[in-house]
Amino acid sequence: MRRALVLSSVLIAASVQAGAPPREPTVDLKREAAQPRPGQITPGAARPPAGLPTPPAAAGADQAPTDAAQAAPHVFRERTAAQELAALRASIRDEGVSAKVEASSGDGPAQWRADGGEWADTGAGASGAGVLEVRTGLFRAVTFAVGDRAKVTVMRASRVILKQVRVGEDKPGEPAPRRLVVEVKRGRVAVDPGPAPAGGAPEQVTITTPDWMAVTPDRLEVTHDPGRGTTTRYLPAR
């Protein structure tokens, strides 16, 4: 290889000495270097008119879609549903309820507290008022009479909040009706809105879990497992 390179150099030198014309390069490097790059404005070139929008970036650039509808459809639906549910919950103004322990079954602890206060045992006949949070042990279930008609049974190993919300706006001398809200943090509850008042519509109850919400006049059993989500079951009529 080394001998071939030396021989080639000797032949080139001989051709130059003999007056052979040198070969011209196939690519004019000076001309290529003088050409403007894409998007470059050279001196004296016309500039784009002022006020025109900047051309959009090339497809595939690191730019997130500005329109939410351009996102994956299933992701868009899930995000919208979660946002609507969060907005609805944020708009609810919690108010306290009055409740009384009507019955209990099983052994073990069961406690409640009002408005985030101290925990207390749910003894037979105990009553409370406020935004009530209930927690039950592995072998204990408690039934509460809430308000005038509703009954809520908090099953074992559950955590539930009992409260109410205003439906409509209060008027002078005519307060707006209130609706019971049963918020299931975990576990299982059985909710009975109670009989309809004489000549009136059936009472409705709002039942909510971390991933589900319903307003219903029916007797309903709701179970929420953080790993499996929410399941519901209609209970027999009264």
C-alpha atoms as a PDB file:
ATOM      1  CA  MET A   1       0.000   0.000   0.000  1.00  0.00           C
ATOM      2  CA  ARG A   2       2.806   2.355   0.858  1.00  0.00           C
ATOM      3  CA  ARG A   3       4.560   1.634  -2.439  1.00  0.00           C
ATOM      4  CA  ALA A   4       1.329   2.361  -4.356  1.00  0.00           C
ATOM      5  CA  LEU A   5       0.972   5.755  -2.681  1.00  0.00           C
ATOM      6  CA  VAL A   6       4.581   6.662  -3.482  1.00  0.00           C
ATOM      7  CA  LEU A   7       4.163   5.595  -7.116  1.00  0.00           C
ATOM      8  CA  SER A   8       0.945   7.610  -7.430  1.00  0.00           C
ATOM      9  CA  SER A   9       2.702  10.724  -6.078  1.00  0.00           C
ATOM     10  CA  VAL A  10       5.531  10.281  -8.571  1.00  0.00           C
ATOM     11  CA  LEU A  11       3.124   9.967 -11.504  1.00  0.00           C
ATOM     12  CA  ILE A  12       1.191  13.094 -10.457  1.00  0.00           C
ATOM     13  CA  ALA A  13       4.413  15.084 -10.115  1.00  0.00           C
ATOM     14  CA  ALA A  14       5.514  13.880 -13.552  1.00  0.00           C
ATOM     15  CA  SER A  15       2.258  14.905 -15.170  1.00  0.00           C
ATOM     16  CA  VAL A  16       2.461  18.380 -13.666  1.00  0.00           C
ATOM     17  CA  GLN A  17       6.032  18.800 -14.826  1.00  0.00           C
ATOM     18  CA  ALA A  18       5.053  17.655 -18.326  1.00  0.00           C
ATOM     19  CA  GLY A  19       2.528  20.519 -18.496  1.00  0.00           C
ATOM     20  CA  ALA A  20      -0.650  18.421 -18.142  1.00  0.00           C
ATOM     21  CA  PRO A  21      -3.614  20.600 -17.135  1.00  0.00           C
ATOM     22  CA  PRO A  22      -4.702  20.102 -13.486  1.00  0.00           C
ATOM     23  CA  ARG A  23      -8.086  18.511 -12.850  1.00  0.00           C
ATOM     24  CA  GLU A  24     -10.875  20.837 -11.763  1.00  0.00           C
ATOM     25  CA  PRO A  25     -12.787  19.812  -8.622  1.00  0.00           C
ATOM     26  CA  THR A  26     -16.227  18.338  -9.267  1.00  0.00           C
ATOM     27  CA  VAL A  27     -17.792  20.588  -6.549  1.00  0.00           C
ATOM     28  CA  ASP A  28     -17.216  24.339  -6.399  1.00  0.00           C
ATOM     29  CA  LEU A  29     -16.665  24.740  -2.691  1.00  0.00           C
ATOM     30  CA  LYS A  30     -16.534  28.540  -2.828  1.00  0.00           C
ATOM     31  CA  ARG A  31     -19.872  28.765  -4.629  1.00  0.00           C
ATOM     32  CA  GLU A  32     -21.521  26.298  -2.217  1.00  0.00           C
ATOM     33  CA  ALA A  33     -20.225  28.250   0.784  1.00  0.00           C
ATOM     34  CA  ALA A  34     -21.666  31.485  -0.636  1.00  0.00           C
ATOM     35  CA  GLN A  35     -25.180  30.036  -0.924  1.00  0.00           C
ATOM     36  CA  PRO A  36     -27.529  31.196   1.942  1.00  0.00           C
ATOM     37  CA  ARG A  37     -28.747  28.586   4.366  1.00  0.00           C
ATOM     38  CA  PRO A  38     -32.521  27.877   4.594  1.00  0.00           C
ATOM     39  CA  GLY A  39     -34.189  30.766   6.431  1.00  0.00           C
ATOM     40  CA  GLN A  40     -31.089  33.003   6.269  1.00  0.00           C
ATOM     41  CA  ILE A  41     -31.585  36.593   5.058  1.00  0.00           C
ATOM     42  CA  THR A  42     -28.624  37.833   3.096  1.00  0.00           C
ATOM     43  CA  PRO A  43     -27.682  41.529   2.760  1.00  0.00           C
ATOM     44  CA  GLY A  44     -29.883  43.229   0.161  1.00  0.00           C
ATOM     45  CA  ALA A  45     -32.468  40.433   0.055  1.00  0.00           C
ATOM     46  CA  ALA A  46     -36.145  41.302   0.416  1.00  0.00           C
ATOM     47  CA  ARG A  47     -37.507  40.839   3.925  1.00  0.00           C
ATOM     48  CA  PRO A  48     -41.019  39.470   4.625  1.00  0.00           C
ATOM     49  CA  PRO A  49     -43.645  42.220   5.103  1.00  0.00           C
ATOM     50  CA  ALA A  50     -44.104  43.392   8.681  1.00  0.00           C
ATOM     51  CA  GLY A  51     -47.189  42.192  10.534  1.00  0.00           C
ATOM     52  CA  LEU A  52     -47.400  38.743   8.944  1.00  0.00           C
ATOM     53  CA  PRO A  53     -47.630  35.817  11.372  1.00  0.00           C
ATOM     54  CA  THR A  54     -44.582  33.738  12.011  1.00  0.00           C
ATOM     55  CA  PRO A  55     -44.679  30.500  10.015  1.00  0.00           C
ATOM     56  CA  PRO A  56     -45.584  27.486  12.168  1.00  0.00           C
ATOM     57  CA  ALA A  57     -42.898  25.132  13.329  1.00  0.00           C
ATOM     58  CA  ALA A  58     -42.210  22.070  11.258  1.00  0.00           C
ATOM     59  CA  ALA A  59     -44.262  18.977  11.915  1.00  0.00           C
ATOM     60  CA  GLY A  60     -42.757  16.821  14.601  1.00  0.00           C
ATOM     61  CA  ALA A  61     -41.170  19.717  16.493  1.00  0.00           C
ATOM     62  CA  ASP A  62     -41.165  19.593  20.265  1.00  0.00           C
ATOM     63  CA  GLN A  63     -44.410  21.479  20.562  1.00  0.00           C
ATOM     64  CA  ALA A  64     -47.445  20.213  22.497  1.00  0.00           C
ATOM     65  CA  PRO A  65     -50.822  20.554  20.745  1.00  0.00           C
ATOM     66  CA  THR A  66     -52.621  23.694  21.852  1.00  0.00           C
ATOM     67  CA  ASP A  67     -56.085  22.301  21.156  1.00  0.00           C
ATOM     68  CA  ALA A  68     -57.204  19.755  23.752  1.00  0.00           C
ATOM     69  CA  ALA A  69     -59.196  17.931  21.092  1.00  0.00           C
ATOM     70  CA  GLN A  70     -55.895  17.048  19.369  1.00  0.00           C
ATOM     71  CA  ALA A  71     -54.923  14.917  22.338  1.00  0.00           C
ATOM     72  CA  ALA A  72     -55.697  11.215  22.406  1.00  0.00           C
ATOM     73  CA  PRO A  73     -59.511  10.993  22.539  1.00  0.00           C
ATOM     74  CA  HIS A  74     -59.701   8.623  25.516  1.00  0.00           C
ATOM     75  CA  VAL A  75     -57.225  10.733  27.520  1.00  0.00           C
ATOM     76  CA  PHE A  76     -59.208  13.870  26.691  1.00  0.00           C
ATOM     77  CA  ARG A  77     -62.466  12.291  27.869  1.00  0.00           C
ATOM     78  CA  GLU A  78     -60.959  11.034  31.126  1.00  0.00           C
ATOM     79  CA  ARG A  79     -59.328  14.387  31.879  1.00  0.00           C
ATOM     80  CA  THR A  80     -62.538  16.270  31.127  1.00  0.00           C
ATOM     81  CA  ALA A  81     -64.635  13.985  33.332  1.00  0.00           C
ATOM     82  CA  ALA A  82     -62.176  14.299  36.211  1.00  0.00           C
ATOM     83  CA  GLN A  83     -62.087  18.083  35.862  1.00  0.00           C
ATOM     84  CA  GLU A  84     -65.886  18.336  35.782  1.00  0.00           C
ATOM     85  CA  LEU A  85     -66.231  16.103  38.842  1.00  0.00           C
ATOM     86  CA  ALA A  86     -63.614  18.125  40.736  1.00  0.00           C
ATOM     87  CA  ALA A  87     -65.303  21.399  39.764  1.00  0.00           C
ATOM     88  CA  LEU A  88     -68.688  20.084  40.889  1.00  0.00           C
ATOM     89  CA  ARG A  89     -67.324  19.005  44.248  1.00  0.00           C
ATOM     90  CA  ALA A  90     -65.543  22.321  44.700  1.00  0.00           C
ATOM     91  CA  SER A  91     -68.812  24.177  44.114  1.00  0.00           C
ATOM     92  CA  ILE A  92     -70.622  22.260  46.865  1.00  0.00           C
ATOM     93  CA  ARG A  93     -70.862  24.139  50.139  1.00  0.00           C
ATOM     94  CA  ASP A  94     -70.826  21.626  52.942  1.00  0.00           C
ATOM     95  CA  GLU A  95     -73.264  22.084  55.809  1.00  0.00           C
ATOM     96  CA  GLY A  96     -73.728  20.036  58.932  1.00  0.00           C
ATOM     97  CA  VAL A  97     -76.393  17.432  59.638  1.00  0.00           C
ATOM     98  CA  SER A  98     -77.962  16.014  62.772  1.00  0.00           C
ATOM     99  CA  ALA A  99     -77.646  12.268  63.280  1.00  0.00           C
ATOM    100  CA  LYS A 100     -78.360   9.670  65.914  1.00  0.00           C
ATOM    101  CA  VAL A 101     -77.032   6.159  66.418  1.00  0.00           C
ATOM    102  CA  GLU A 102     -80.022   3.893  65.803  1.00  0.00           C
ATOM    103  CA  ALA A 103     -78.399   0.453  65.853  1.00  0.00           C
ATOM    104  CA  SER A 104     -75.057  -1.321  65.729  1.00  0.00           C
ATOM    105  CA  SER A 105     -73.869  -4.853  65.173  1.00  0.00           C
ATOM    106  CA  GLY A 106     -70.659  -6.747  65.734  1.00  0.00           C
ATOM    107  CA  ASP A 107     -67.759  -6.097  68.055  1.00  0.00           C
ATOM    108  CA  GLY A 108     -64.862  -3.717  67.900  1.00  0.00           C
ATOM    109  CA  PRO A 109     -64.435   0.027  67.599  1.00  0.00           C
ATOM    110  CA  ALA A 110     -66.634   2.503  65.777  1.00  0.00           C
ATOM    111  CA  GLN A 111     -66.047   6.221  66.155  1.00  0.00           C
ATOM    112  CA  TRP A 112     -67.229   9.535  64.762  1.00  0.00           C
ATOM    113  CA  ARG A 113     -66.336  13.187  65.014  1.00  0.00           C
ATOM    114  CA  ALA A 114     -67.986  16.485  64.118  1.00  0.00           C
ATOM    115  CA  ASP A 115     -66.331  19.224  62.031  1.00  0.00           C
ATOM    116  CA  GLY A 116     -62.884  17.652  62.319  1.00  0.00           C
ATOM    117  CA  GLY A 117     -62.938  17.557  66.132  1.00  0.00           C
ATOM    118  CA  GLU A 118     -61.996  14.799  68.529  1.00  0.00           C
ATOM    119  CA  TRP A 119     -62.999  11.214  67.832  1.00  0.00           C
ATOM    120  CA  ALA A 120     -65.652   9.685  70.107  1.00  0.00           C
ATOM    121  CA  ASP A 121     -67.273   6.255  70.356  1.00  0.00           C
ATOM    122  CA  THR A 122     -70.618   5.737  68.650  1.00  0.00           C
ATOM    123  CA  GLY A 123     -72.457   4.442  71.702  1.00  0.00           C
ATOM    124  CA  ALA A 124     -76.081   3.353  71.599  1.00  0.00           C
ATOM    125  CA  GLY A 125     -78.376   6.375  71.301  1.00  0.00           C
ATOM    126  CA  ALA A 126     -75.496   8.823  70.827  1.00  0.00           C
ATOM    127  CA  SER A 127     -76.295  11.913  68.760  1.00  0.00           C
ATOM    128  CA  GLY A 128     -74.163  14.422  66.922  1.00  0.00           C
ATOM    129  CA  ALA A 129     -74.428  17.474  64.713  1.00  0.00           C
ATOM    130  CA  GLY A 130     -72.133  18.994  62.116  1.00  0.00           C
ATOM    131  CA  VAL A 131     -70.153  17.553  59.244  1.00  0.00           C
ATOM    132  CA  LEU A 132     -69.850  14.037  60.666  1.00  0.00           C
ATOM    133  CA  GLU A 133     -67.028  11.655  59.833  1.00  0.00           C
ATOM    134  CA  VAL A 134     -67.477   7.990  60.763  1.00  0.00           C
ATOM    135  CA  ARG A 135     -64.923   5.181  60.881  1.00  0.00           C
ATOM    136  CA  THR A 136     -65.627   1.564  61.751  1.00  0.00           C
ATOM    137  CA  GLY A 137     -63.386  -1.354  62.678  1.00  0.00           C
ATOM    138  CA  LEU A 138     -63.105  -4.746  61.028  1.00  0.00           C
ATOM    139  CA  PHE A 139     -66.077  -6.270  62.883  1.00  0.00           C
ATOM    140  CA  ARG A 140     -68.460  -3.374  63.505  1.00  0.00           C
ATOM    141  CA  ALA A 141     -71.342  -1.796  61.564  1.00  0.00           C
ATOM    142  CA  VAL A 142     -73.427   1.184  62.695  1.00  0.00           C
ATOM    143  CA  THR A 143     -76.793   2.518  61.475  1.00  0.00           C
ATOM    144  CA  PHE A 144     -77.510   6.255  61.772  1.00  0.00           C
ATOM    145  CA  ALA A 145     -80.794   8.087  61.512  1.00  0.00           C
ATOM    146  CA  VAL A 146     -79.869  11.267  59.648  1.00  0.00           C
ATOM    147  CA  GLY A 147     -82.219  14.228  59.599  1.00  0.00           C
ATOM    148  CA  ASP A 148     -85.945  13.500  59.553  1.00  0.00           C
ATOM    149  CA  ARG A 149     -86.127  10.452  57.267  1.00  0.00           C
ATOM    150  CA  ALA A 150     -82.798   9.105  55.947  1.00  0.00           C
ATOM    151  CA  LYS A 151     -80.926   6.135  57.337  1.00  0.00           C
ATOM    152  CA  VAL A 152     -77.291   5.320  56.621  1.00  0.00           C
ATOM    153  CA  THR A 153     -75.605   2.071  57.625  1.00  0.00           C
ATOM    154  CA  VAL A 154     -71.809   2.233  57.682  1.00  0.00           C
ATOM    155  CA  MET A 155     -70.460  -1.276  57.279  1.00  0.00           C
ATOM    156  CA  ARG A 156     -67.264  -2.698  58.743  1.00  0.00           C
ATOM    157  CA  ALA A 157     -63.842  -1.285  57.833  1.00  0.00           C
ATOM    158  CA  SER A 158     -65.338   1.853  56.319  1.00  0.00           C
ATOM    159  CA  ARG A 159     -64.788   5.575  56.466  1.00  0.00           C
ATOM    160  CA  VAL A 160     -67.703   7.859  55.562  1.00  0.00           C
ATOM    161  CA  ILE A 161     -68.619  11.549  55.829  1.00  0.00           C
ATOM    162  CA  LEU A 162     -72.213  12.662  56.421  1.00  0.00           C
ATOM    163  CA  LYS A 163     -73.156  16.221  55.471  1.00  0.00           C
ATOM    164  CA  GLN A 164     -75.714  18.183  53.500  1.00  0.00           C
ATOM    165  CA  VAL A 165     -75.767  20.809  50.755  1.00  0.00           C
ATOM    166  CA  ARG A 166     -78.173  23.592  49.918  1.00  0.00           C
ATOM    167  CA  VAL A 167     -80.283  23.070  46.803  1.00  0.00           C
ATOM    168  CA  GLY A 168     -80.968  26.522  45.349  1.00  0.00           C
ATOM    169  CA  GLU A 169     -80.765  29.854  47.106  1.00  0.00           C
ATOM    170  CA  ASP A 170     -82.239  30.930  50.421  1.00  0.00           C
ATOM    171  CA  LYS A 171     -84.954  33.583  50.246  1.00  0.00           C
ATOM    172  CA  PRO A 172     -86.282  35.791  53.053  1.00  0.00           C
ATOM    173  CA  GLY A 173     -88.573  33.602  55.112  1.00  0.00           C
ATOM    174  CA  GLU A 174     -88.137  30.696  52.697  1.00  0.00           C
ATOM    175  CA  PRO A 175     -84.928  28.716  53.172  1.00  0.00           C
ATOM    176  CA  ALA A 176     -83.836  26.521  50.302  1.00  0.00           C
ATOM    177  CA  PRO A 177     -84.154  22.760  50.782  1.00  0.00           C
ATOM    178  CA  ARG A 178     -81.130  20.746  51.835  1.00  0.00           C
ATOM    179  CA  ARG A 179     -79.938  17.438  50.423  1.00  0.00           C
ATOM    180  CA  LEU A 180     -78.056  14.765  52.341  1.00  0.00           C
ATOM    181  CA  VAL A 181     -74.579  13.903  51.015  1.00  0.00           C
ATOM    182  CA  VAL A 182     -72.933  10.581  51.866  1.00  0.00           C
ATOM    183  CA  GLU A 183     -69.244  10.658  50.946  1.00  0.00           C
ATOM    184  CA  VAL A 184     -67.659   7.215  50.950  1.00  0.00           C
ATOM    185  CA  LYS A 185     -63.911   7.415  51.439  1.00  0.00           C
ATOM    186  CA  ARG A 186     -63.524   3.648  51.614  1.00  0.00           C
ATOM    187  CA  GLY A 187     -65.625   0.623  52.514  1.00  0.00           C
ATOM    188  CA  ARG A 188     -69.349   0.052  52.110  1.00  0.00           C
ATOM    189  CA  VAL A 189     -72.547   1.876  53.054  1.00  0.00           C
ATOM    190  CA  ALA A 190     -76.254   1.243  52.647  1.00  0.00           C
ATOM    191  CA  VAL A 191     -78.258   4.446  52.078  1.00  0.00           C
ATOM    192  CA  ASP A 192     -82.025   4.759  52.500  1.00  0.00           C
ATOM    193  CA  PRO A 193     -83.302   8.262  51.619  1.00  0.00           C
ATOM    194  CA  GLY A 194     -86.490   7.555  53.553  1.00  0.00           C
ATOM    195  CA  PRO A 195     -90.155   7.741  52.594  1.00  0.00           C
ATOM    196  CA  ALA A 196     -91.473  10.643  50.576  1.00  0.00           C
ATOM    197  CA  PRO A 197     -93.276  13.337  52.565  1.00  0.00           C
ATOM    198  CA  ALA A 198     -97.048  13.435  52.283  1.00  0.00           C
ATOM    199  CA  GLY A 199     -97.946  14.903  48.905  1.00  0.00           C
ATOM    200  CA  GLY A 200     -94.297  15.578  48.098  1.00  0.00           C
ATOM    201  CA  ALA A 201     -91.595  14.156  45.875  1.00  0.00           C
ATOM    202  CA  PRO A 202     -89.277  11.398  47.104  1.00  0.00           C
ATOM    203  CA  GLU A 203     -86.223  12.544  48.990  1.00  0.00           C
ATOM    204  CA  GLN A 204     -82.968  12.422  47.088  1.00  0.00           C
ATOM    205  CA  VAL A 205     -79.498  11.720  48.423  1.00  0.00           C
ATOM    206  CA  THR A 206     -76.138  12.508  46.870  1.00  0.00           C
ATOM    207  CA  ILE A 207     -73.689   9.622  47.193  1.00  0.00           C
ATOM    208  CA  THR A 208     -70.090  10.193  46.192  1.00  0.00           C
ATOM    209  CA  THR A 209     -66.813   8.270  46.167  1.00  0.00           C
ATOM    210  CA  PRO A 210     -63.363   9.297  44.924  1.00  0.00           C
ATOM    211  CA  ASP A 211     -64.301   8.195  41.382  1.00  0.00           C
ATOM    212  CA  TRP A 212     -68.128   8.199  41.259  1.00  0.00           C
ATOM    213  CA  MET A 213     -71.135  10.367  42.114  1.00  0.00           C
ATOM    214  CA  ALA A 214     -74.913   9.973  41.907  1.00  0.00           C
ATOM    215  CA  VAL A 215     -78.076  11.730  43.074  1.00  0.00           C
ATOM    216  CA  THR A 216     -80.787   9.164  43.734  1.00  0.00           C
ATOM    217  CA  PRO A 217     -84.079   8.621  45.604  1.00  0.00           C
ATOM    218  CA  ASP A 218     -83.454   4.840  45.645  1.00  0.00           C
ATOM    219  CA  ARG A 219     -82.142   2.625  48.392  1.00  0.00           C
ATOM    220  CA  LEU A 220     -78.593   1.909  47.343  1.00  0.00           C
ATOM    221  CA  GLU A 221     -75.557   0.048  48.574  1.00  0.00           C
ATOM    222  CA  VAL A 222     -72.232   1.566  47.521  1.00  0.00           C
ATOM    223  CA  THR A 223     -68.800  -0.004  47.947  1.00  0.00           C
ATOM    224  CA  HIS A 224     -65.497   1.709  47.246  1.00  0.00           C
ATOM    225  CA  ASP A 225     -62.193  -0.137  47.175  1.00  0.00           C
ATOM    226  CA  PRO A 226     -59.142   2.056  46.414  1.00  0.00           C
ATOM    227  CA  GLY A 227     -57.704  -0.719  44.255  1.00  0.00           C
ATOM    228  CA  ARG A 228     -60.883  -1.815  42.447  1.00  0.00           C
ATOM    229  CA  GLY A 229     -62.971   1.340  42.293  1.00  0.00           C
ATOM    230  CA  THR A 230     -66.683   1.754  43.050  1.00  0.00           C
ATOM    231  CA  THR A 231     -69.510  -0.775  42.764  1.00  0.00           C
ATOM    232  CA  THR A 232     -73.216  -0.247  43.477  1.00  0.00           C
ATOM    233  CA  ARG A 233     -76.225  -2.437  44.209  1.00  0.00           C
ATOM    234  CA  TYR A 234     -79.900  -1.539  44.489  1.00  0.00           C
ATOM    235  CA  LEU A 235     -81.546  -2.651  47.714  1.00  0.00           C
ATOM    236  CA  PRO A 236     -85.070  -4.074  47.933  1.00  0.00           C
ATOM    237  CA  ALA A 237     -87.926  -1.567  48.175  1.00  0.00           C
ATOM    238  CA  ARG A 238     -89.279  -0.717  51.590  1.00  0.00           C
END
